[in-house]
Amino acid sequence: MAKTTIQYVCSSCGAKAPQLLGRCPVCGEWGTYEEEVLESRQPSSVSRQAASSSRAQRLQDIEASEEMRLDMHNGEFNRVLGGGLVPGSLVLLGGEPGIGKSTLALQVLMQQGERKTFYASGEESVRQLKLRAERLAGNAENLFISSETSLERILDQVKELEPEIVVIDSIQTIGTGDVEATIGSITQVRECAARILEFAKSRNIPFIIIGHINKEGSLAGPKVLEHIVDTVLQFEGDQQYMYRILRAQKNRFGSTSEIGIYEMRQEGLREVTNPSELLLSTAREGLSGIAIAAAVEGVRPFLIEVQALVSSAAYGTPQRSSTGFDGRRLNMLLAVLEKRVGFKLLQKDVFLNIAGGLKVQDPAIDLAVLAAVLSSNMDIALDAGTCLCGEVGLAGEIRSVNRIEQRIAEAQKLGFRRILIPAEQKIDPKRFSIEVVGVKKVTDAFRLLIVKNEK
């Protein structure tokens, strides 16, 4: 007989409690505890036999071969996955509502050519999926779709069709009849994910499941969901902009530092193979508060436009606002600018924006951020043919960054005449036609940027 017990789980952090709590003692969120029904069953004879047949093996006796991967015929998607989709893997794709998760998944399936694929949706009808597929560029000849919320019926259709790739949209709308809980609850999400993982491994079929996110921007549902899957992909971007970024937050088969960039169009998502040319404005010459930074995400270098606006504070407390850049790091850089360079910004508002709606975490853009702020404060335009690269320390020194040669090559390819890099990084300037200038301190960089322009 199955023994049923009840516990309560925080949907924000996954903390457990034996009784219902108003506030989570771990993360401090209110009203996040949900009831979870646990059923403990005696192990079946099949599971006992499987357990008995498993035995320990010496590590050196195990034959290891490189994982075979499926080419998704989508360069950006392959890049983030680490070279393609691994058969039998379980991928979780999350993002804000309306950001394009379903569009991306459907478009990837339509690019598979002769491969048989299956798309199961618990949110849209087959007619709605048909309308969406008609405006996307791709081949839908071998794509099968179904509008279903029962996990058992979805898996039965997979057994019948035997597709090579399966997409389930979304995990919060799928339920199993073996669990007495409402669809979308923690119990249902966890149980369905575990069943899908077991099915994917046993049949060697890769599954892509789409998940919702909460108001904090993290994946909704139990935290164990992220531990169950092999790969967690985050599809992000501002809906007011046309660009979307695909990041890997977890990847058992590849790196988590790669990103894929897409442009949202009427006919679907277009891969952006050279983001630098799209992210840089051609009308920046002669405008103050704009600096060009050489950034790197994963192994991909690209140039971004850093915009700053410094104005007198209209109220007693000056504002510090940043879009696409860490606000705490901005406050630190402003403190360095005041302490080490001598510019007083206590009574001024500072607004910072990374053009294109991107969110950049590369510390190598610190020097460009300070240059843009200083340019706006002095109302002096920087040289449009100069880009910057360097991490700024608390002492005002410019620290070295990784992949410096790729950054220089990207600036040279886009026609820049000069690039400022940390002086401690030793490179051969003869390898590049662009002028490479090494700077040790923030003041040295500002002398080259501001004083030369004033003359």
Foldseek 3Di string as FASTA:
>chain_A
DKDKAKWKAFFPAGDIDRDDDQADPPPGDGPRIDMAIDIDDDDDPVVVVVVVVDDDDDPVVDDDDAFDFDDLQDVQVCVQQARHHGFLFEEEEEEAPPLQPVLVVVLSVQANPPFAEEEEEQPDQVVVVVVLVVLADGHCPRYHYYHDQELVVVVVVCVVSVTQEYEYHALQSHAYPVDPDDRNAQNGSVVSLQVVSVSRNVSRHYYYHYFYPDPVTHTTHHPVSVVSGQWYWYWDFDPVFQKIKIFTPHHNNHDRQRIWIWGQDSSGTHGDPACQVVQDDPPQPPFALWAKAWDDGPHDIHIWIKGKAKAFAPDDFAAQEEALEDSVVVVLLVVLCCPVVPDDRRRIHMYMYTGRRHRDDFQQCSLRNVRSHVRNVVVFHWDPLEHETFHADSNQWTDADPPPVNSLVNSVVVPRQEYEGAPPDDDDCVVGNHHYHHDTGSVVVCCVTPVVRVD
